[in-house]
């Protein structure tokens, strides 16, 4: 029984030692190009980001809330692998902006 407990503790500690914390990088970009269509527009934003080796989450902030999630594209150069791309709304920022503007205050 002691051998099993020691083995399990060893696995837990080895997992903690070799685990990697995923770094979250917030990126603010400027609009480089815009093409306007009858319905919608294409907005191109470019940003150079220096990353360290390992996994990182790149979080693009201050983008339009009206982005079509199916239209988001990411293009990278160099020896890098994009594992996934997704889109999320940050509803907390909207609430903070409304309160700062005087909307939604509770008396």
PDB file of N, CA and C in Angstrom:
ATOM      1  N   UNK A   1       0.826  -1.198   0.000  1.00  0.00           N
ATOM      2  CA  UNK A   1       0.000   0.000   0.000  1.00  0.00           C
ATOM      3  C   UNK A   1       0.868   1.259   0.000  1.00  0.00           C
ATOM      4  N   UNK A   2       1.969   1.231   0.796  1.00  0.00           N
ATOM      5  CA  UNK A   2       2.862   2.399   0.837  1.00  0.00           C
ATOM      6  C   UNK A   2       3.506   2.640  -0.518  1.00  0.00           C
ATOM      7  N   UNK A   3       3.813   1.555  -1.226  1.00  0.00           N
ATOM      8  CA  UNK A   3       4.442   1.684  -2.538  1.00  0.00           C
ATOM      9  C   UNK A   3       3.503   2.376  -3.518  1.00  0.00           C
ATOM     10  N   UNK A   4       2.226   2.039  -3.466  1.00  0.00           N
ATOM     11  CA  UNK A   4       1.247   2.656  -4.366  1.00  0.00           C
ATOM     12  C   UNK A   4       1.100   4.140  -4.047  1.00  0.00           C
ATOM     13  N   UNK A   5       1.036   4.484  -2.757  1.00  0.00           N
ATOM     14  CA  UNK A   5       0.918   5.898  -2.367  1.00  0.00           C
ATOM     15  C   UNK A   5       2.136   6.699  -2.800  1.00  0.00           C
ATOM     16  N   UNK A   6       3.312   6.125  -2.619  1.00  0.00           N
ATOM     17  CA  UNK A   6       4.545   6.815  -3.026  1.00  0.00           C
ATOM     18  C   UNK A   6       4.572   6.981  -4.540  1.00  0.00           C
ATOM     19  N   UNK A   7       4.138   5.954  -5.277  1.00  0.00           N
ATOM     20  CA  UNK A   7       4.103   6.032  -6.733  1.00  0.00           C
ATOM     21  C   UNK A   7       3.144   7.131  -7.203  1.00  0.00           C
ATOM     22  N   UNK A   8       1.957   7.201  -6.593  1.00  0.00           N
ATOM     23  CA  UNK A   8       0.968   8.225  -6.962  1.00  0.00           C
ATOM     24  C   UNK A   8       1.495   9.619  -6.633  1.00  0.00           C
ATOM     25  N   UNK A   9       2.101   9.794  -5.473  1.00  0.00           N
ATOM     26  CA  UNK A   9       2.684  11.093  -5.122  1.00  0.00           C
ATOM     27  C   UNK A   9       3.802  11.474  -6.087  1.00  0.00           C
ATOM     28  N   UNK A  10       4.592  10.494  -6.477  1.00  0.00           N
ATOM     29  CA  UNK A  10       5.656  10.741  -7.450  1.00  0.00           C
ATOM     30  C   UNK A  10       5.102  11.220  -8.776  1.00  0.00           C
ATOM     31  N   UNK A  11       4.006  10.595  -9.225  1.00  0.00           N
ATOM     32  CA  UNK A  11       3.376  11.032 -10.475  1.00  0.00           C
ATOM     33  C   UNK A  11       2.842  12.456 -10.369  1.00  0.00           C
ATOM     34  N   UNK A  12       2.230  12.777  -9.242  1.00  0.00           N
ATOM     35  CA  UNK A  12       1.682  14.120  -9.057  1.00  0.00           C
ATOM     36  C   UNK A  12       2.792  15.166  -9.068  1.00  0.00           C
ATOM     37  N   UNK A  13       3.872  14.920  -8.335  1.00  0.00           N
ATOM     38  CA  UNK A  13       4.967  15.892  -8.282  1.00  0.00           C
ATOM     39  C   UNK A  13       5.695  16.004  -9.611  1.00  0.00           C
ATOM     40  N   UNK A  14       5.858  14.900 -10.335  1.00  0.00           N
ATOM     41  CA  UNK A  14       6.517  14.983 -11.640  1.00  0.00           C
ATOM     42  C   UNK A  14       5.663  15.768 -12.622  1.00  0.00           C
ATOM     43  N   UNK A  15       4.339  15.626 -12.511  1.00  0.00           N
ATOM     44  CA  UNK A  15       3.439  16.393 -13.360  1.00  0.00           C
ATOM     45  C   UNK A  15       3.565  17.884 -13.064  1.00  0.00           C
ATOM     46  N   UNK A  16       3.679  18.250 -11.796  1.00  0.00           N
ATOM     47  CA  UNK A  16       3.831  19.660 -11.435  1.00  0.00           C
ATOM     48  C   UNK A  16       5.163  20.220 -11.904  1.00  0.00           C
ATOM     49  N   UNK A  17       6.202  19.429 -11.847  1.00  0.00           N
ATOM     50  CA  UNK A  17       7.527  19.892 -12.245  1.00  0.00           C
ATOM     51  C   UNK A  17       7.598  20.121 -13.743  1.00  0.00           C
ATOM     52  N   UNK A  18       7.033  19.192 -14.522  1.00  0.00           N
ATOM     53  CA  UNK A  18       7.156  19.273 -15.971  1.00  0.00           C
ATOM     54  C   UNK A  18       5.993  19.985 -16.646  1.00  0.00           C
ATOM     55  N   UNK A  19       5.009  20.422 -15.889  1.00  0.00           N
ATOM     56  CA  UNK A  19       3.890  21.136 -16.500  1.00  0.00           C
ATOM     57  C   UNK A  19       4.333  22.544 -16.880  1.00  0.00           C
ATOM     58  N   UNK A  20       3.668  23.093 -17.878  1.00  0.00           N
ATOM     59  CA  UNK A  20       4.027  24.410 -18.378  1.00  0.00           C
ATOM     60  C   UNK A  20       2.842  25.350 -18.224  1.00  0.00           C
ATOM     61  N   UNK A  21       3.100  26.511 -17.680  1.00  0.00           N
ATOM     62  CA  UNK A  21       2.044  27.511 -17.573  1.00  0.00           C
ATOM     63  C   UNK A  21       1.875  28.175 -18.932  1.00  0.00           C
ATOM     64  N   UNK A  22       0.640  28.249 -19.390  1.00  0.00           N
ATOM     65  CA  UNK A  22       0.371  28.855 -20.691  1.00  0.00           C
ATOM     66  C   UNK A  22       0.283  30.366 -20.511  1.00  0.00           C
ATOM     67  N   UNK A  23       1.090  31.078 -21.273  1.00  0.00           N
ATOM     68  CA  UNK A  23       1.175  32.527 -21.179  1.00  0.00           C
ATOM     69  C   UNK A  23       0.068  33.164 -22.021  1.00  0.00           C
ATOM     70  N   UNK A  24      -0.663  34.136 -21.456  1.00  0.00           N
ATOM     71  CA  UNK A  24      -1.704  34.870 -22.170  1.00  0.00           C
ATOM     72  C   UNK A  24      -1.148  36.246 -22.531  1.00  0.00           C
ATOM     73  N   UNK A  25      -1.168  36.559 -23.826  1.00  0.00           N
ATOM     74  CA  UNK A  25      -0.651  37.833 -24.327  1.00  0.00           C
ATOM     75  C   UNK A  25      -1.817  38.621 -24.913  1.00  0.00           C
ATOM     76  N   UNK A  26      -2.117  39.788 -24.339  1.00  0.00           N
ATOM     77  CA  UNK A  26      -3.159  40.658 -24.891  1.00  0.00           C
ATOM     78  C   UNK A  26      -2.549  41.547 -25.964  1.00  0.00           C
ATOM     79  N   UNK A  27      -3.205  41.589 -27.122  1.00  0.00           N
ATOM     80  CA  UNK A  27      -2.670  42.319 -28.265  1.00  0.00           C
ATOM     81  C   UNK A  27      -3.685  43.358 -28.721  1.00  0.00           C
ATOM     82  N   UNK A  28      -3.238  44.594 -28.819  1.00  0.00           N
ATOM     83  CA  UNK A  28      -4.055  45.676 -29.369  1.00  0.00           C
ATOM     84  C   UNK A  28      -3.510  45.987 -30.760  1.00  0.00           C
ATOM     85  N   UNK A  29      -4.399  46.014 -31.749  1.00  0.00           N
ATOM     86  CA  UNK A  29      -3.971  46.237 -33.126  1.00  0.00           C
ATOM     87  C   UNK A  29      -4.643  47.472 -33.697  1.00  0.00           C
ATOM     88  N   UNK A  30      -4.062  47.977 -34.766  1.00  0.00           N
ATOM     89  CA  UNK A  30      -4.650  49.075 -35.520  1.00  0.00           C
ATOM     90  C   UNK A  30      -5.119  48.534 -36.866  1.00  0.00           C
ATOM     91  N   UNK A  31      -6.102  49.190 -37.455  1.00  0.00           N
ATOM     92  CA  UNK A  31      -6.613  48.794 -38.762  1.00  0.00           C
ATOM     93  C   UNK A  31      -5.610  49.209 -39.825  1.00  0.00           C
ATOM     94  N   UNK A  32      -5.215  48.246 -40.685  1.00  0.00           N
ATOM     95  CA  UNK A  32      -4.282  48.533 -41.770  1.00  0.00           C
ATOM     96  C   UNK A  32      -4.989  48.750 -43.102  1.00  0.00           C
ATOM     97  N   UNK A  33      -6.003  47.914 -43.374  1.00  0.00           N
ATOM     98  CA  UNK A  33      -6.741  48.011 -44.639  1.00  0.00           C
ATOM     99  C   UNK A  33      -8.217  47.721 -44.384  1.00  0.00           C
ATOM    100  N   UNK A  34      -9.077  48.382 -45.169  1.00  0.00           N
ATOM    101  CA  UNK A  34     -10.520  48.114 -45.103  1.00  0.00           C
ATOM    102  C   UNK A  34     -11.056  48.082 -46.528  1.00  0.00           C
ATOM    103  N   UNK A  35     -11.850  47.038 -46.814  1.00  0.00           N
ATOM    104  CA  UNK A  35     -12.577  46.949 -48.073  1.00  0.00           C
ATOM    105  C   UNK A  35     -14.050  46.871 -47.716  1.00  0.00           C
ATOM    106  N   UNK A  36     -14.843  47.825 -48.235  1.00  0.00           N
ATOM    107  CA  UNK A  36     -16.267  47.877 -47.921  1.00  0.00           C
ATOM    108  C   UNK A  36     -17.054  47.224 -49.053  1.00  0.00           C
ATOM    109  N   UNK A  37     -17.954  46.306 -48.679  1.00  0.00           N
ATOM    110  CA  UNK A  37     -18.826  45.624 -49.628  1.00  0.00           C
ATOM    111  C   UNK A  37     -20.257  46.097 -49.409  1.00  0.00           C
ATOM    112  N   UNK A  38     -21.162  45.654 -50.270  1.00  0.00           N
ATOM    113  CA  UNK A  38     -22.566  46.034 -50.127  1.00  0.00           C
ATOM    114  C   UNK A  38     -23.094  45.556 -48.778  1.00  0.00           C
ATOM    115  N   UNK A  39     -22.754  44.340 -48.402  1.00  0.00           N
ATOM    116  CA  UNK A  39     -23.140  43.815 -47.097  1.00  0.00           C
ATOM    117  C   UNK A  39     -21.879  43.430 -46.338  1.00  0.00           C
ATOM    118  N   UNK A  40     -21.436  44.286 -45.460  1.00  0.00           N
ATOM    119  CA  UNK A  40     -20.278  43.980 -44.637  1.00  0.00           C
ATOM    120  C   UNK A  40     -19.012  44.653 -45.125  1.00  0.00           C
ATOM    121  N   UNK A  41     -17.910  44.259 -44.515  1.00  0.00           N
ATOM    122  CA  UNK A  41     -16.608  44.818 -44.862  1.00  0.00           C
ATOM    123  C   UNK A  41     -15.520  43.826 -44.475  1.00  0.00           C
ATOM    124  N   UNK A  42     -14.374  43.996 -45.096  1.00  0.00           N
ATOM    125  CA  UNK A  42     -13.199  43.196 -44.749  1.00  0.00           C
ATOM    126  C   UNK A  42     -12.202  44.131 -44.081  1.00  0.00           C
ATOM    127  N   UNK A  43     -11.830  43.807 -42.855  1.00  0.00           N
ATOM    128  CA  UNK A  43     -10.893  44.628 -42.090  1.00  0.00           C
ATOM    129  C   UNK A  43      -9.629  43.813 -41.879  1.00  0.00           C
ATOM    130  N   UNK A  44      -8.490  44.386 -42.244  1.00  0.00           N
ATOM    131  CA  UNK A  44      -7.211  43.697 -42.075  1.00  0.00           C
ATOM    132  C   UNK A  44      -6.422  44.448 -41.015  1.00  0.00           C
ATOM    133  N   UNK A  45      -5.985  43.690 -40.020  1.00  0.00           N
ATOM    134  CA  UNK A  45      -5.158  44.228 -38.948  1.00  0.00           C
ATOM    135  C   UNK A  45      -3.863  43.434 -38.920  1.00  0.00           C
ATOM    136  N   UNK A  46      -2.751  44.101 -38.732  1.00  0.00           N
ATOM    137  CA  UNK A  46      -1.456  43.420 -38.682  1.00  0.00           C
ATOM    138  C   UNK A  46      -0.713  43.830 -37.422  1.00  0.00           C
ATOM    139  N   UNK A  47      -0.018  42.870 -36.838  1.00  0.00           N
ATOM    140  CA  UNK A  47       0.757  43.153 -35.628  1.00  0.00           C
ATOM    141  C   UNK A  47       1.892  42.147 -35.535  1.00  0.00           C
ATOM    142  N   UNK A  48       3.102  42.614 -35.304  1.00  0.00           N
ATOM    143  CA  UNK A  48       4.238  41.735 -35.042  1.00  0.00           C
ATOM    144  C   UNK A  48       4.303  41.461 -33.547  1.00  0.00           C
ATOM    145  N   UNK A  49       4.407  40.195 -33.190  1.00  0.00           N
ATOM    146  CA  UNK A  49       4.442  39.798 -31.785  1.00  0.00           C
ATOM    147  C   UNK A  49       5.624  38.872 -31.579  1.00  0.00           C
ATOM    148  N   UNK A  50       6.455  39.159 -30.589  1.00  0.00           N
ATOM    149  CA  UNK A  50       7.556  38.279 -30.223  1.00  0.00           C
ATOM    150  C   UNK A  50       7.069  37.306 -29.167  1.00  0.00           C
ATOM    151  N   UNK A  51       7.228  36.013 -29.440  1.00  0.00           N
ATOM    152  CA  UNK A  51       6.780  34.980 -28.520  1.00  0.00           C
ATOM    153  C   UNK A  51       7.954  34.136 -28.074  1.00  0.00           C
ATOM    154  N   UNK A  52       7.840  33.613 -26.866  1.00  0.00           N
ATOM    155  CA  UNK A  52       8.844  32.677 -26.381  1.00  0.00           C
ATOM    156  C   UNK A  52       8.425  31.270 -26.778  1.00  0.00           C
ATOM    157  N   UNK A  53       9.348  30.340 -26.690  1.00  0.00           N
ATOM    158  CA  UNK A  53       9.052  28.963 -27.037  1.00  0.00           C
ATOM    159  C   UNK A  53       8.034  28.386 -26.061  1.00  0.00           C
ATOM    160  N   UNK A  54       7.113  27.602 -26.557  1.00  0.00           N
ATOM    161  CA  UNK A  54       6.077  27.015 -25.723  1.00  0.00           C
ATOM    162  C   UNK A  54       4.712  27.486 -26.183  1.00  0.00           C
ATOM    163  N   UNK A  55       3.695  27.103 -25.442  1.00  0.00           N
ATOM    164  CA  UNK A  55       2.328  27.473 -25.801  1.00  0.00           C
ATOM    165  C   UNK A  55       1.990  28.859 -25.266  1.00  0.00           C
ATOM    166  N   UNK A  56       1.298  29.623 -26.082  1.00  0.00           N
ATOM    167  CA  UNK A  56       0.836  30.959 -25.696  1.00  0.00           C
ATOM    168  C   UNK A  56      -0.579  31.152 -26.225  1.00  0.00           C
ATOM    169  N   UNK A  57      -1.359  31.924 -25.490  1.00  0.00           N
ATOM    170  CA  UNK A  57      -2.678  32.331 -25.953  1.00  0.00           C
ATOM    171  C   UNK A  57      -2.582  33.790 -26.345  1.00  0.00           C
ATOM    172  N   UNK A  58      -2.892  34.082 -27.602  1.00  0.00           N
ATOM    173  CA  UNK A  58      -2.882  35.456 -28.087  1.00  0.00           C
ATOM    174  C   UNK A  58      -4.315  35.961 -28.049  1.00  0.00           C
ATOM    175  N   UNK A  59      -4.550  37.004 -27.274  1.00  0.00           N
ATOM    176  CA  UNK A  59      -5.892  37.533 -27.071  1.00  0.00           C
ATOM    177  C   UNK A  59      -5.952  38.924 -27.699  1.00  0.00           C
ATOM    178  N   UNK A  60      -6.683  39.030 -28.813  1.00  0.00           N
ATOM    179  CA  UNK A  60      -6.823  40.310 -29.508  1.00  0.00           C
ATOM    180  C   UNK A  60      -7.970  41.071 -28.856  1.00  0.00           C
ATOM    181  N   UNK A  61      -7.683  42.258 -28.363  1.00  0.00           N
ATOM    182  CA  UNK A  61      -8.662  43.040 -27.604  1.00  0.00           C
ATOM    183  C   UNK A  61      -9.093  44.272 -28.400  1.00  0.00           C
ATOM    184  N   UNK A  62     -10.218  44.854 -27.976  1.00  0.00           N
ATOM    185  CA  UNK A  62     -10.792  46.068 -28.579  1.00  0.00           C
ATOM    186  C   UNK A  62     -11.164  45.882 -30.043  1.00  0.00           C
ATOM    187  N   UNK A  63     -11.717  44.711 -30.370  1.00  0.00           N
ATOM    188  CA  UNK A  63     -12.211  44.460 -31.716  1.00  0.00           C
ATOM    189  C   UNK A  63     -13.720  44.685 -31.744  1.00  0.00           C
ATOM    190  N   UNK A  64     -14.285  44.761 -32.923  1.00  0.00           N
ATOM    191  CA  UNK A  64     -15.717  44.979 -33.076  1.00  0.00           C
ATOM    192  C   UNK A  64     -16.507  43.791 -32.528  1.00  0.00           C
ATOM    193  N   UNK A  65     -17.611  44.048 -31.836  1.00  0.00           N
ATOM    194  CA  UNK A  65     -18.443  42.944 -31.364  1.00  0.00           C
ATOM    195  C   UNK A  65     -19.289  42.334 -32.488  1.00  0.00           C
ATOM    196  N   UNK A  66     -19.245  42.906 -33.680  1.00  0.00           N
ATOM    197  CA  UNK A  66     -20.056  42.439 -34.797  1.00  0.00           C
ATOM    198  C   UNK A  66     -19.282  41.533 -35.759  1.00  0.00           C
ATOM    199  N   UNK A  67     -18.136  41.031 -35.347  1.00  0.00           N
ATOM    200  CA  UNK A  67     -17.336  40.145 -36.192  1.00  0.00           C
ATOM    201  C   UNK A  67     -18.081  38.828 -36.379  1.00  0.00           C
ATOM    202  N   UNK A  68     -18.112  38.364 -37.627  1.00  0.00           N
ATOM    203  CA  UNK A  68     -18.683  37.044 -37.918  1.00  0.00           C
ATOM    204  C   UNK A  68     -17.629  36.005 -37.526  1.00  0.00           C
ATOM    205  N   UNK A  69     -17.924  35.166 -36.520  1.00  0.00           N
ATOM    206  CA  UNK A  69     -16.916  34.199 -36.049  1.00  0.00           C
ATOM    207  C   UNK A  69     -16.415  33.262 -37.143  1.00  0.00           C
ATOM    208  N   UNK A  70     -17.230  32.997 -38.155  1.00  0.00           N
ATOM    209  CA  UNK A  70     -16.814  32.087 -39.230  1.00  0.00           C
ATOM    210  C   UNK A  70     -15.853  32.755 -40.206  1.00  0.00           C
ATOM    211  N   UNK A  71     -15.706  34.058 -40.122  1.00  0.00           N
ATOM    212  CA  UNK A  71     -14.868  34.765 -41.084  1.00  0.00           C
ATOM    213  C   UNK A  71     -13.482  35.112 -40.538  1.00  0.00           C
ATOM    214  N   UNK A  72     -13.219  34.803 -39.291  1.00  0.00           N
ATOM    215  CA  UNK A  72     -11.928  35.162 -38.682  1.00  0.00           C
ATOM    216  C   UNK A  72     -10.830  34.285 -39.265  1.00  0.00           C
ATOM    217  N   UNK A  73      -9.750  34.918 -39.723  1.00  0.00           N
ATOM    218  CA  UNK A  73      -8.612  34.199 -40.278  1.00  0.00           C
ATOM    219  C   UNK A  73      -7.339  34.692 -39.611  1.00  0.00           C
ATOM    220  N   UNK A  74      -6.407  33.787 -39.415  1.00  0.00           N
ATOM    221  CA  UNK A  74      -5.111  34.129 -38.828  1.00  0.00           C
ATOM    222  C   UNK A  74      -4.029  33.631 -39.769  1.00  0.00           C
ATOM    223  N   UNK A  75      -3.077  34.505 -40.063  1.00  0.00           N
ATOM    224  CA  UNK A  75      -1.957  34.141 -40.926  1.00  0.00           C
ATOM    225  C   UNK A  75      -0.666  34.409 -40.151  1.00  0.00           C
ATOM    226  N   UNK A  76       0.221  33.425 -40.130  1.00  0.00           N
ATOM    227  CA  UNK A  76       1.474  33.572 -39.395  1.00  0.00           C
ATOM    228  C   UNK A  76       2.651  33.276 -40.311  1.00  0.00           C
ATOM    229  N   UNK A  77       3.803  33.825 -39.940  1.00  0.00           N
ATOM    230  CA  UNK A  77       5.037  33.574 -40.681  1.00  0.00           C
ATOM    231  C   UNK A  77       6.062  32.996 -39.718  1.00  0.00           C
ATOM    232  N   UNK A  78       6.890  32.128 -40.216  1.00  0.00           N
ATOM    233  CA  UNK A  78       7.935  31.558 -39.390  1.00  0.00           C
ATOM    234  C   UNK A  78       7.569  30.163 -38.897  1.00  0.00           C
ATOM    235  N   UNK A  79       8.394  29.663 -38.006  1.00  0.00           N
ATOM    236  CA  UNK A  79       8.211  28.315 -37.475  1.00  0.00           C
ATOM    237  C   UNK A  79       7.271  28.363 -36.282  1.00  0.00           C
ATOM    238  N   UNK A  80       5.985  28.392 -36.570  1.00  0.00           N
ATOM    239  CA  UNK A  80       4.967  28.485 -35.535  1.00  0.00           C
ATOM    240  C   UNK A  80       3.766  27.663 -35.982  1.00  0.00           C
ATOM    241  N   UNK A  81       3.066  27.084 -35.033  1.00  0.00           N
ATOM    242  CA  UNK A  81       1.872  26.293 -35.324  1.00  0.00           C
ATOM    243  C   UNK A  81       0.683  26.909 -34.605  1.00  0.00           C
ATOM    244  N   UNK A  82      -0.370  27.200 -35.346  1.00  0.00           N
ATOM    245  CA  UNK A  82      -1.606  27.712 -34.758  1.00  0.00           C
ATOM    246  C   UNK A  82      -2.462  26.494 -34.409  1.00  0.00           C
ATOM    247  N   UNK A  83      -2.757  26.321 -33.126  1.00  0.00           N
ATOM    248  CA  UNK A  83      -3.531  25.164 -32.692  1.00  0.00           C
ATOM    249  C   UNK A  83      -5.026  25.376 -32.858  1.00  0.00           C
ATOM    250  N   UNK A  84      -5.509  26.589 -32.609  1.00  0.00           N
ATOM    251  CA  UNK A  84      -6.938  26.856 -32.790  1.00  0.00           C
ATOM    252  C   UNK A  84      -7.173  28.360 -32.817  1.00  0.00           C
ATOM    253  N   UNK A  85      -8.334  28.731 -33.363  1.00  0.00           N
ATOM    254  CA  UNK A  85      -8.768  30.125 -33.405  1.00  0.00           C
ATOM    255  C   UNK A  85     -10.227  30.138 -32.981  1.00  0.00           C
ATOM    256  N   UNK A  86     -10.566  30.998 -32.029  1.00  0.00           N
ATOM    257  CA  UNK A  86     -11.971  31.125 -31.643  1.00  0.00           C
ATOM    258  C   UNK A  86     -12.279  32.565 -31.293  1.00  0.00           C
ATOM    259  N   UNK A  87     -13.570  32.851 -31.198  1.00  0.00           N
ATOM    260  CA  UNK A  87     -14.031  34.213 -30.923  1.00  0.00           C
ATOM    261  C   UNK A  87     -14.933  34.178 -29.698  1.00  0.00           C
ATOM    262  N   UNK A  88     -14.742  35.139 -28.797  1.00  0.00           N
ATOM    263  CA  UNK A  88     -15.549  35.230 -27.585  1.00  0.00           C
ATOM    264  C   UNK A  88     -15.938  36.680 -27.352  1.00  0.00           C
ATOM    265  N   UNK A  89     -17.136  36.884 -26.839  1.00  0.00           N
ATOM    266  CA  UNK A  89     -17.579  38.220 -26.452  1.00  0.00           C
ATOM    267  C   UNK A  89     -17.167  38.458 -25.006  1.00  0.00           C
ATOM    268  N   UNK A  90     -16.720  39.664 -24.699  1.00  0.00           N
ATOM    269  CA  UNK A  90     -16.405  40.045 -23.326  1.00  0.00           C
ATOM    270  C   UNK A  90     -17.528  40.951 -22.829  1.00  0.00           C
ATOM    271  N   UNK A  91     -18.504  40.346 -22.183  1.00  0.00           N
ATOM    272  CA  UNK A  91     -19.666  41.103 -21.719  1.00  0.00           C
ATOM    273  C   UNK A  91     -19.327  41.975 -20.511  1.00  0.00           C
ATOM    274  N   UNK A  92     -18.272  41.648 -19.790  1.00  0.00           N
ATOM    275  CA  UNK A  92     -17.901  42.454 -18.622  1.00  0.00           C
ATOM    276  C   UNK A  92     -17.422  43.839 -19.029  1.00  0.00           C
ATOM    277  N   UNK A  93     -16.696  43.946 -20.138  1.00  0.00           N
ATOM    278  CA  UNK A  93     -16.261  45.260 -20.612  1.00  0.00           C
ATOM    279  C   UNK A  93     -17.450  46.126 -20.995  1.00  0.00           C
ATOM    280  N   UNK A  94     -18.495  45.522 -21.573  1.00  0.00           N
ATOM    281  CA  UNK A  94     -19.687  46.290 -21.941  1.00  0.00           C
ATOM    282  C   UNK A  94     -20.379  46.837 -20.704  1.00  0.00           C
ATOM    283  N   UNK A  95     -20.447  46.040 -19.657  1.00  0.00           N
ATOM    284  CA  UNK A  95     -21.083  46.483 -18.417  1.00  0.00           C
ATOM    285  C   UNK A  95     -20.282  47.627 -17.793  1.00  0.00           C
ATOM    286  N   UNK A  96     -18.961  47.528 -17.771  1.00  0.00           N
ATOM    287  CA  UNK A  96     -18.121  48.589 -17.217  1.00  0.00           C
ATOM    288  C   UNK A  96     -18.286  49.880 -18.014  1.00  0.00           C
ATOM    289  N   UNK A  97     -18.368  49.774 -19.354  1.00  0.00           N
ATOM    290  CA  UNK A  97     -18.521  50.962 -20.198  1.00  0.00           C
ATOM    291  C   UNK A  97     -19.875  51.617 -19.955  1.00  0.00           C
ATOM    292  N   UNK A  98     -20.921  50.815 -19.779  1.00  0.00           N
ATOM    293  CA  UNK A  98     -22.244  51.376 -19.530  1.00  0.00           C
ATOM    294  C   UNK A  98     -22.272  52.085 -18.183  1.00  0.00           C
ATOM    295  N   UNK A  99     -21.677  51.502 -17.168  1.00  0.00           N
ATOM    296  CA  UNK A  99     -21.664  52.138 -15.848  1.00  0.00           C
ATOM    297  C   UNK A  99     -20.845  53.419 -15.870  1.00  0.00           C
ATOM    298  N   UNK A 100     -19.751  53.421 -16.633  1.00  0.00           N
ATOM    299  CA  UNK A 100     -18.929  54.630 -16.713  1.00  0.00           C
ATOM    300  C   UNK A 100     -19.691  55.758 -17.408  1.00  0.00           C
ATOM    301  N   UNK A 101     -20.578  55.378 -18.356  1.00  0.00           N
ATOM    302  CA  UNK A 101     -21.366  56.376 -19.080  1.00  0.00           C
ATOM    303  C   UNK A 101     -22.617  56.789 -18.307  1.00  0.00           C
ATOM    304  N   UNK A 102     -22.887  56.155 -17.168  1.00  0.00           N
ATOM    305  CA  UNK A 102     -24.040  56.514 -16.374  1.00  0.00           C
ATOM    306  C   UNK A 102     -25.249  55.658 -16.610  1.00  0.00           C
ATOM    307  N   UNK A 103     -25.117  54.592 -17.390  1.00  0.00           N
ATOM    308  CA  UNK A 103     -26.236  53.684 -17.663  1.00  0.00           C
ATOM    309  C   UNK A 103     -26.162  52.505 -16.702  1.00  0.00           C
ATOM    310  N   UNK A 104     -27.303  51.975 -16.345  1.00  0.00           N
ATOM    311  CA  UNK A 104     -27.350  50.751 -15.585  1.00  0.00           C
ATOM    312  C   UNK A 104     -26.956  50.881 -14.121  1.00  0.00           C
ATOM    313  N   UNK A 105     -26.945  52.102 -13.596  1.00  0.00           N
ATOM    314  CA  UNK A 105     -26.583  52.269 -12.202  1.00  0.00           C
ATOM    315  C   UNK A 105     -27.763  51.902 -11.319  1.00  0.00           C
ATOM    316  N   UNK A 106     -27.468  51.276 -10.217  1.00  0.00           N
ATOM    317  CA  UNK A 106     -28.505  50.895  -9.256  1.00  0.00           C
ATOM    318  C   UNK A 106     -28.428  51.845  -8.080  1.00  0.00           C
ATOM    319  N   UNK A 107     -29.574  52.443  -7.754  1.00  0.00           N
ATOM    320  CA  UNK A 107     -29.608  53.414  -6.644  1.00  0.00           C
ATOM    321  C   UNK A 107     -29.917  52.727  -5.350  1.00  0.00           C
TER     322      UNK A 107
END
